[in-house]
Amino acid sequence: MVSFDYQIRESMGLHARPAGQIVRMLKSCPCKVVISCGDRSVDAKKLFAVMGMAVKCGDIVTVTFDGEEEQSACEKTKAFFDQNF
């Protein structure tokens, strides 16, 4: 299991567009991916679950990967977050 923390810089938080980008990118990952913020944790491959977290600008999320190819998926996702959010 590997994970990283990330502070959201997107001014509107994880609304539909960025949530959709995350889900599309992670759909091809063979491992389990969970996004956590505070006491909420959701399957990062489910759009409505990610949007339902209501993550705001400045919130810190933890993205956790567990399973096959977890390390490469983590690195790819961290780079994606750095470039887009």
PDB file of N, CA and C in Angstrom:
ATOM      1  N   MET A   1       0.847  -1.169   0.000  1.00  0.00           N
ATOM      2  CA  MET A   1       0.000   0.000   0.000  1.00  0.00           C
ATOM      3  C   MET A   1       0.897   1.238   0.000  1.00  0.00           C
ATOM      4  N   VAL A   2       0.604   2.171  -0.896  1.00  0.00           N
ATOM      5  CA  VAL A   2       1.327   3.434  -0.964  1.00  0.00           C
ATOM      6  C   VAL A   2       0.308   4.563  -1.042  1.00  0.00           C
ATOM      7  N   SER A   3       0.731   5.759  -0.634  1.00  0.00           N
ATOM      8  CA  SER A   3      -0.190   6.897  -0.667  1.00  0.00           C
ATOM      9  C   SER A   3       0.588   8.197  -0.757  1.00  0.00           C
ATOM     10  N   PHE A   4      -0.135   9.263  -1.053  1.00  0.00           N
ATOM     11  CA  PHE A   4       0.439  10.602  -0.994  1.00  0.00           C
ATOM     12  C   PHE A   4      -0.641  11.574  -0.534  1.00  0.00           C
ATOM     13  N   ASP A   5      -0.204  12.666   0.063  1.00  0.00           N
ATOM     14  CA  ASP A   5      -1.104  13.748   0.482  1.00  0.00           C
ATOM     15  C   ASP A   5      -0.971  14.884  -0.511  1.00  0.00           C
ATOM     16  N   TYR A   6      -2.076  15.591  -0.748  1.00  0.00           N
ATOM     17  CA  TYR A   6      -2.046  16.696  -1.694  1.00  0.00           C
ATOM     18  C   TYR A   6      -3.022  17.767  -1.246  1.00  0.00           C
ATOM     19  N   GLN A   7      -2.559  19.019  -1.248  1.00  0.00           N
ATOM     20  CA  GLN A   7      -3.443  20.139  -0.923  1.00  0.00           C
ATOM     21  C   GLN A   7      -4.057  20.654  -2.221  1.00  0.00           C
ATOM     22  N   ILE A   8      -5.377  20.673  -2.296  1.00  0.00           N
ATOM     23  CA  ILE A   8      -6.095  21.072  -3.502  1.00  0.00           C
ATOM     24  C   ILE A   8      -5.928  22.577  -3.721  1.00  0.00           C
ATOM     25  N   ARG A   9      -5.472  22.938  -4.922  1.00  0.00           N
ATOM     26  CA  ARG A   9      -5.271  24.349  -5.278  1.00  0.00           C
ATOM     27  C   ARG A   9      -6.316  24.839  -6.273  1.00  0.00           C
ATOM     28  N   GLU A  10      -7.088  23.926  -6.845  1.00  0.00           N
ATOM     29  CA  GLU A  10      -8.160  24.296  -7.775  1.00  0.00           C
ATOM     30  C   GLU A  10      -9.139  25.199  -7.015  1.00  0.00           C
ATOM     31  N   SER A  11      -9.398  26.405  -7.544  1.00  0.00           N
ATOM     32  CA  SER A  11     -10.183  27.408  -6.813  1.00  0.00           C
ATOM     33  C   SER A  11     -11.584  26.934  -6.424  1.00  0.00           C
ATOM     34  N   MET A  12     -12.165  26.040  -7.205  1.00  0.00           N
ATOM     35  CA  MET A  12     -13.510  25.555  -6.902  1.00  0.00           C
ATOM     36  C   MET A  12     -13.501  24.161  -6.284  1.00  0.00           C
ATOM     37  N   GLY A  13     -12.324  23.673  -5.888  1.00  0.00           N
ATOM     38  CA  GLY A  13     -12.223  22.360  -5.271  1.00  0.00           C
ATOM     39  C   GLY A  13     -12.384  21.247  -6.291  1.00  0.00           C
ATOM     40  N   LEU A  14     -12.810  20.085  -5.836  1.00  0.00           N
ATOM     41  CA  LEU A  14     -12.996  18.942  -6.737  1.00  0.00           C
ATOM     42  C   LEU A  14     -14.437  18.891  -7.223  1.00  0.00           C
ATOM     43  N   HIS A  15     -14.811  19.849  -8.052  1.00  0.00           N
ATOM     44  CA  HIS A  15     -16.145  19.861  -8.650  1.00  0.00           C
ATOM     45  C   HIS A  15     -16.157  18.896  -9.836  1.00  0.00           C
ATOM     46  N   ALA A  16     -17.184  18.928 -10.662  1.00  0.00           N
ATOM     47  CA  ALA A  16     -17.397  17.922 -11.707  1.00  0.00           C
ATOM     48  C   ALA A  16     -16.215  17.756 -12.664  1.00  0.00           C
ATOM     49  N   ARG A  17     -15.660  18.834 -13.185  1.00  0.00           N
ATOM     50  CA  ARG A  17     -14.590  18.713 -14.178  1.00  0.00           C
ATOM     51  C   ARG A  17     -13.340  18.044 -13.619  1.00  0.00           C
ATOM     52  N   PRO A  18     -12.757  18.554 -12.521  1.00  0.00           N
ATOM     53  CA  PRO A  18     -11.555  17.883 -12.018  1.00  0.00           C
ATOM     54  C   PRO A  18     -11.842  16.480 -11.483  1.00  0.00           C
ATOM     55  N   ALA A  19     -13.012  16.281 -10.894  1.00  0.00           N
ATOM     56  CA  ALA A  19     -13.360  14.937 -10.413  1.00  0.00           C
ATOM     57  C   ALA A  19     -13.429  13.972 -11.589  1.00  0.00           C
ATOM     58  N   GLY A  20     -14.012  14.419 -12.696  1.00  0.00           N
ATOM     59  CA  GLY A  20     -14.096  13.596 -13.893  1.00  0.00           C
ATOM     60  C   GLY A  20     -12.727  13.262 -14.458  1.00  0.00           C
ATOM     61  N   GLN A  21     -11.823  14.229 -14.422  1.00  0.00           N
ATOM     62  CA  GLN A  21     -10.457  13.993 -14.899  1.00  0.00           C
ATOM     63  C   GLN A  21      -9.774  12.917 -14.055  1.00  0.00           C
ATOM     64  N   ILE A  22      -9.941  13.002 -12.752  1.00  0.00           N
ATOM     65  CA  ILE A  22      -9.330  12.025 -11.851  1.00  0.00           C
ATOM     66  C   ILE A  22      -9.879  10.625 -12.134  1.00  0.00           C
ATOM     67  N   VAL A  23     -11.195  10.508 -12.211  1.00  0.00           N
ATOM     68  CA  VAL A  23     -11.837   9.213 -12.421  1.00  0.00           C
ATOM     69  C   VAL A  23     -11.406   8.610 -13.757  1.00  0.00           C
ATOM     70  N   ARG A  24     -11.408   9.416 -14.831  1.00  0.00           N
ATOM     71  CA  ARG A  24     -10.997   8.908 -16.144  1.00  0.00           C
ATOM     72  C   ARG A  24      -9.564   8.383 -16.111  1.00  0.00           C
ATOM     73  N   MET A  25      -8.675   9.117 -15.440  1.00  0.00           N
ATOM     74  CA  MET A  25      -7.285   8.702 -15.378  1.00  0.00           C
ATOM     75  C   MET A  25      -7.127   7.398 -14.584  1.00  0.00           C
ATOM     76  N   LEU A  26      -7.868   7.256 -13.497  1.00  0.00           N
ATOM     77  CA  LEU A  26      -7.707   6.105 -12.612  1.00  0.00           C
ATOM     78  C   LEU A  26      -8.446   4.854 -13.062  1.00  0.00           C
ATOM     79  N   LYS A  27      -9.407   4.976 -13.964  1.00  0.00           N
ATOM     80  CA  LYS A  27     -10.191   3.814 -14.417  1.00  0.00           C
ATOM     81  C   LYS A  27      -9.296   2.690 -14.923  1.00  0.00           C
ATOM     82  N   SER A  28      -8.163   3.034 -15.540  1.00  0.00           N
ATOM     83  CA  SER A  28      -7.292   2.002 -16.119  1.00  0.00           C
ATOM     84  C   SER A  28      -6.323   1.387 -15.102  1.00  0.00           C
ATOM     85  N   CYS A  29      -6.271   1.934 -13.902  1.00  0.00           N
ATOM     86  CA  CYS A  29      -5.370   1.401 -12.875  1.00  0.00           C
ATOM     87  C   CYS A  29      -5.928   0.081 -12.334  1.00  0.00           C
ATOM     88  N   PRO A  30      -5.095  -0.970 -12.294  1.00  0.00           N
ATOM     89  CA  PRO A  30      -5.589  -2.258 -11.811  1.00  0.00           C
ATOM     90  C   PRO A  30      -5.731  -2.330 -10.288  1.00  0.00           C
ATOM     91  N   CYS A  31      -5.134  -1.400  -9.580  1.00  0.00           N
ATOM     92  CA  CYS A  31      -5.184  -1.446  -8.115  1.00  0.00           C
ATOM     93  C   CYS A  31      -6.388  -0.673  -7.570  1.00  0.00           C
ATOM     94  N   LYS A  32      -6.672  -0.901  -6.316  1.00  0.00           N
ATOM     95  CA  LYS A  32      -7.723  -0.174  -5.614  1.00  0.00           C
ATOM     96  C   LYS A  32      -7.187   1.216  -5.282  1.00  0.00           C
ATOM     97  N   VAL A  33      -8.008   2.262  -5.512  1.00  0.00           N
ATOM     98  CA  VAL A  33      -7.590   3.633  -5.237  1.00  0.00           C
ATOM     99  C   VAL A  33      -8.663   4.297  -4.385  1.00  0.00           C
ATOM    100  N   VAL A  34      -8.252   4.876  -3.261  1.00  0.00           N
ATOM    101  CA  VAL A  34      -9.178   5.532  -2.337  1.00  0.00           C
ATOM    102  C   VAL A  34      -8.707   6.970  -2.118  1.00  0.00           C
ATOM    103  N   ILE A  35      -9.649   7.908  -2.177  1.00  0.00           N
ATOM    104  CA  ILE A  35      -9.357   9.303  -1.830  1.00  0.00           C
ATOM    105  C   ILE A  35     -10.006   9.576  -0.483  1.00  0.00           C
ATOM    106  N   SER A  36      -9.213  10.152   0.432  1.00  0.00           N
ATOM    107  CA  SER A  36      -9.714  10.484   1.765  1.00  0.00           C
ATOM    108  C   SER A  36      -9.520  11.972   2.015  1.00  0.00           C
ATOM    109  N   CYS A  37     -10.473  12.543   2.710  1.00  0.00           N
ATOM    110  CA  CYS A  37     -10.380  13.942   3.135  1.00  0.00           C
ATOM    111  C   CYS A  37     -11.118  14.038   4.460  1.00  0.00           C
ATOM    112  N   GLY A  38     -10.380  14.366   5.501  1.00  0.00           N
ATOM    113  CA  GLY A  38     -10.983  14.373   6.827  1.00  0.00           C
ATOM    114  C   GLY A  38     -11.417  12.970   7.204  1.00  0.00           C
ATOM    115  N   ASP A  39     -12.674  12.816   7.590  1.00  0.00           N
ATOM    116  CA  ASP A  39     -13.173  11.498   7.989  1.00  0.00           C
ATOM    117  C   ASP A  39     -13.911  10.770   6.855  1.00  0.00           C
ATOM    118  N   ARG A  40     -13.851  11.326   5.637  1.00  0.00           N
ATOM    119  CA  ARG A  40     -14.529  10.722   4.490  1.00  0.00           C
ATOM    120  C   ARG A  40     -13.522  10.018   3.590  1.00  0.00           C
ATOM    121  N   SER A  41     -13.876   8.831   3.125  1.00  0.00           N
ATOM    122  CA  SER A  41     -13.056   8.071   2.181  1.00  0.00           C
ATOM    123  C   SER A  41     -13.967   7.475   1.120  1.00  0.00           C
ATOM    124  N   VAL A  42     -13.544   7.581  -0.152  1.00  0.00           N
ATOM    125  CA  VAL A  42     -14.365   7.059  -1.242  1.00  0.00           C
ATOM    126  C   VAL A  42     -13.495   6.360  -2.278  1.00  0.00           C
ATOM    127  N   ASP A  43     -14.142   5.531  -3.083  1.00  0.00           N
ATOM    128  CA  ASP A  43     -13.508   4.875  -4.223  1.00  0.00           C
ATOM    129  C   ASP A  43     -13.219   5.955  -5.263  1.00  0.00           C
ATOM    130  N   ALA A  44     -11.959   6.152  -5.594  1.00  0.00           N
ATOM    131  CA  ALA A  44     -11.553   7.229  -6.497  1.00  0.00           C
ATOM    132  C   ALA A  44     -11.932   6.955  -7.948  1.00  0.00           C
ATOM    133  N   LYS A  45     -12.483   5.789  -8.239  1.00  0.00           N
ATOM    134  CA  LYS A  45     -12.881   5.454  -9.600  1.00  0.00           C
ATOM    135  C   LYS A  45     -14.365   5.684  -9.830  1.00  0.00           C
ATOM    136  N   LYS A  46     -15.047   6.281  -8.848  1.00  0.00           N
ATOM    137  CA  LYS A  46     -16.481   6.539  -8.946  1.00  0.00           C
ATOM    138  C   LYS A  46     -16.730   8.048  -8.892  1.00  0.00           C
ATOM    139  N   LEU A  47     -17.191   8.598 -10.011  1.00  0.00           N
ATOM    140  CA  LEU A  47     -17.354  10.047 -10.165  1.00  0.00           C
ATOM    141  C   LEU A  47     -18.221  10.670  -9.080  1.00  0.00           C
ATOM    142  N   PHE A  48     -19.404  10.138  -8.863  1.00  0.00           N
ATOM    143  CA  PHE A  48     -20.311  10.754  -7.898  1.00  0.00           C
ATOM    144  C   PHE A  48     -19.780  10.654  -6.469  1.00  0.00           C
ATOM    145  N   ALA A  49     -19.014   9.621  -6.192  1.00  0.00           N
ATOM    146  CA  ALA A  49     -18.407   9.494  -4.863  1.00  0.00           C
ATOM    147  C   ALA A  49     -17.366  10.590  -4.655  1.00  0.00           C
ATOM    148  N   VAL A  50     -16.528  10.814  -5.669  1.00  0.00           N
ATOM    149  CA  VAL A  50     -15.492  11.857  -5.560  1.00  0.00           C
ATOM    150  C   VAL A  50     -16.144  13.238  -5.457  1.00  0.00           C
ATOM    151  N   MET A  51     -17.129  13.501  -6.302  1.00  0.00           N
ATOM    152  CA  MET A  51     -17.820  14.796  -6.244  1.00  0.00           C
ATOM    153  C   MET A  51     -18.536  14.981  -4.910  1.00  0.00           C
ATOM    154  N   GLY A  52     -19.109  13.904  -4.384  1.00  0.00           N
ATOM    155  CA  GLY A  52     -19.863  13.966  -3.139  1.00  0.00           C
ATOM    156  C   GLY A  52     -19.030  14.284  -1.915  1.00  0.00           C
ATOM    157  N   MET A  53     -17.716  14.171  -2.041  1.00  0.00           N
ATOM    158  CA  MET A  53     -16.853  14.504  -0.909  1.00  0.00           C
ATOM    159  C   MET A  53     -16.837  15.999  -0.633  1.00  0.00           C
ATOM    160  N   ALA A  54     -17.201  16.804  -1.634  1.00  0.00           N
ATOM    161  CA  ALA A  54     -17.240  18.265  -1.507  1.00  0.00           C
ATOM    162  C   ALA A  54     -15.898  18.834  -1.034  1.00  0.00           C
ATOM    163  N   VAL A  55     -14.816  18.377  -1.667  1.00  0.00           N
ATOM    164  CA  VAL A  55     -13.475  18.863  -1.326  1.00  0.00           C
ATOM    165  C   VAL A  55     -13.327  20.284  -1.827  1.00  0.00           C
ATOM    166  N   LYS A  56     -12.882  21.164  -0.956  1.00  0.00           N
ATOM    167  CA  LYS A  56     -12.742  22.584  -1.277  1.00  0.00           C
ATOM    168  C   LYS A  56     -11.277  22.957  -1.485  1.00  0.00           C
ATOM    169  N   CYS A  57     -11.062  24.101  -2.087  1.00  0.00           N
ATOM    170  CA  CYS A  57      -9.709  24.624  -2.255  1.00  0.00           C
ATOM    171  C   CYS A  57      -9.056  24.746  -0.879  1.00  0.00           C
ATOM    172  N   GLY A  58      -7.844  24.254  -0.769  1.00  0.00           N
ATOM    173  CA  GLY A  58      -7.117  24.297   0.493  1.00  0.00           C
ATOM    174  C   GLY A  58      -7.217  23.019   1.314  1.00  0.00           C
ATOM    175  N   ASP A  59      -8.213  22.177   1.002  1.00  0.00           N
ATOM    176  CA  ASP A  59      -8.337  20.899   1.713  1.00  0.00           C
ATOM    177  C   ASP A  59      -7.182  19.973   1.325  1.00  0.00           C
ATOM    178  N   ILE A  60      -6.782  19.129   2.253  1.00  0.00           N
ATOM    179  CA  ILE A  60      -5.739  18.143   1.981  1.00  0.00           C
ATOM    180  C   ILE A  60      -6.400  16.785   1.819  1.00  0.00           C
ATOM    181  N   VAL A  61      -6.123  16.161   0.671  1.00  0.00           N
ATOM    182  CA  VAL A  61      -6.636  14.824   0.401  1.00  0.00           C
ATOM    183  C   VAL A  61      -5.483  13.831   0.471  1.00  0.00           C
ATOM    184  N   THR A  62      -5.800  12.608   0.840  1.00  0.00           N
ATOM    185  CA  THR A  62      -4.845  11.507   0.816  1.00  0.00           C
ATOM    186  C   THR A  62      -5.336  10.519  -0.223  1.00  0.00           C
ATOM    187  N   VAL A  63      -4.454  10.177  -1.154  1.00  0.00           N
ATOM    188  CA  VAL A  63      -4.793   9.216  -2.200  1.00  0.00           C
ATOM    189  C   VAL A  63      -3.989   7.945  -1.904  1.00  0.00           C
ATOM    190  N   THR A  64      -4.694   6.831  -1.712  1.00  0.00           N
ATOM    191  CA  THR A  64      -4.080   5.565  -1.319  1.00  0.00           C
ATOM    192  C   THR A  64      -4.286   4.514  -2.400  1.00  0.00           C
ATOM    193  N   PHE A  65      -3.228   3.796  -2.699  1.00  0.00           N
ATOM    194  CA  PHE A  65      -3.228   2.761  -3.731  1.00  0.00           C
ATOM    195  C   PHE A  65      -2.897   1.430  -3.075  1.00  0.00           C
ATOM    196  N   ASP A  66      -3.653   0.394  -3.438  1.00  0.00           N
ATOM    197  CA  ASP A  66      -3.417  -0.921  -2.861  1.00  0.00           C
ATOM    198  C   ASP A  66      -3.645  -1.986  -3.917  1.00  0.00           C
ATOM    199  N   GLY A  67      -2.593  -2.732  -4.222  1.00  0.00           N
ATOM    200  CA  GLY A  67      -2.729  -3.824  -5.177  1.00  0.00           C
ATOM    201  C   GLY A  67      -1.707  -3.765  -6.296  1.00  0.00           C
ATOM    202  N   GLU A  68      -2.049  -4.421  -7.366  1.00  0.00           N
ATOM    203  CA  GLU A  68      -1.177  -4.553  -8.526  1.00  0.00           C
ATOM    204  C   GLU A  68      -0.796  -3.186  -9.108  1.00  0.00           C
ATOM    205  N   GLU A  69       0.479  -2.984  -9.364  1.00  0.00           N
ATOM    206  CA  GLU A  69       1.025  -1.759  -9.964  1.00  0.00           C
ATOM    207  C   GLU A  69       0.760  -0.503  -9.127  1.00  0.00           C
ATOM    208  N   GLU A  70       0.668  -0.661  -7.815  1.00  0.00           N
ATOM    209  CA  GLU A  70       0.342   0.473  -6.950  1.00  0.00           C
ATOM    210  C   GLU A  70       1.382   1.582  -7.000  1.00  0.00           C
ATOM    211  N   GLN A  71       2.662   1.225  -7.037  1.00  0.00           N
ATOM    212  CA  GLN A  71       3.708   2.248  -7.027  1.00  0.00           C
ATOM    213  C   GLN A  71       3.669   3.096  -8.299  1.00  0.00           C
ATOM    214  N   SER A  72       3.559   2.477  -9.449  1.00  0.00           N
ATOM    215  CA  SER A  72       3.527   3.246 -10.696  1.00  0.00           C
ATOM    216  C   SER A  72       2.249   4.072 -10.795  1.00  0.00           C
ATOM    217  N   ALA A  73       1.130   3.534 -10.328  1.00  0.00           N
ATOM    218  CA  ALA A  73      -0.130   4.283 -10.332  1.00  0.00           C
ATOM    219  C   ALA A  73      -0.030   5.492  -9.411  1.00  0.00           C
ATOM    220  N   CYS A  74       0.621   5.331  -8.265  1.00  0.00           N
ATOM    221  CA  CYS A  74       0.797   6.432  -7.322  1.00  0.00           C
ATOM    222  C   CYS A  74       1.635   7.540  -7.951  1.00  0.00           C
ATOM    223  N   GLU A  75       2.747   7.177  -8.557  1.00  0.00           N
ATOM    224  CA  GLU A  75       3.627   8.175  -9.179  1.00  0.00           C
ATOM    225  C   GLU A  75       2.913   8.913 -10.303  1.00  0.00           C
ATOM    226  N   LYS A  76       2.200   8.175 -11.130  1.00  0.00           N
ATOM    227  CA  LYS A  76       1.454   8.764 -12.254  1.00  0.00           C
ATOM    228  C   LYS A  76       0.379   9.729 -11.740  1.00  0.00           C
ATOM    229  N   THR A  77      -0.341   9.321 -10.699  1.00  0.00           N
ATOM    230  CA  THR A  77      -1.416  10.142 -10.154  1.00  0.00           C
ATOM    231  C   THR A  77      -0.865  11.388  -9.467  1.00  0.00           C
ATOM    232  N   LYS A  78       0.214  11.246  -8.728  1.00  0.00           N
ATOM    233  CA  LYS A  78       0.845  12.409  -8.068  1.00  0.00           C
ATOM    234  C   LYS A  78       1.268  13.438  -9.121  1.00  0.00           C
ATOM    235  N   ALA A  79       1.882  12.983 -10.201  1.00  0.00           N
ATOM    236  CA  ALA A  79       2.284  13.892 -11.282  1.00  0.00           C
ATOM    237  C   ALA A  79       1.067  14.559 -11.897  1.00  0.00           C
ATOM    238  N   PHE A  80      -0.019  13.796 -12.082  1.00  0.00           N
ATOM    239  CA  PHE A  80      -1.259  14.355 -12.632  1.00  0.00           C
ATOM    240  C   PHE A  80      -1.821  15.445 -11.719  1.00  0.00           C
ATOM    241  N   PHE A  81      -1.856  15.192 -10.427  1.00  0.00           N
ATOM    242  CA  PHE A  81      -2.337  16.186  -9.473  1.00  0.00           C
ATOM    243  C   PHE A  81      -1.462  17.437  -9.524  1.00  0.00           C
ATOM    244  N   ASP A  82      -0.131  17.265  -9.541  1.00  0.00           N
ATOM    245  CA  ASP A  82       0.779  18.403  -9.586  1.00  0.00           C
ATOM    246  C   ASP A  82       0.553  19.262 -10.833  1.00  0.00           C
ATOM    247  N   GLN A  83       0.257  18.656 -11.955  1.00  0.00           N
ATOM    248  CA  GLN A  83       0.073  19.381 -13.214  1.00  0.00           C
ATOM    249  C   GLN A  83      -1.301  20.021 -13.324  1.00  0.00           C
ATOM    250  N   ASN A  84      -2.319  19.433 -12.695  1.00  0.00           N
ATOM    251  CA  ASN A  84      -3.694  19.873 -12.937  1.00  0.00           C
ATOM    252  C   ASN A  84      -4.413  20.537 -11.770  1.00  0.00           C
ATOM    253  N   PHE A  85      -3.981  20.290 -10.558  1.00  0.00           N
ATOM    254  CA  PHE A  85      -4.730  20.821  -9.415  1.00  0.00           C
ATOM    255  C   PHE A  85      -3.865  21.598  -8.476  1.00  0.00           C
TER     256      PHE A  85
END
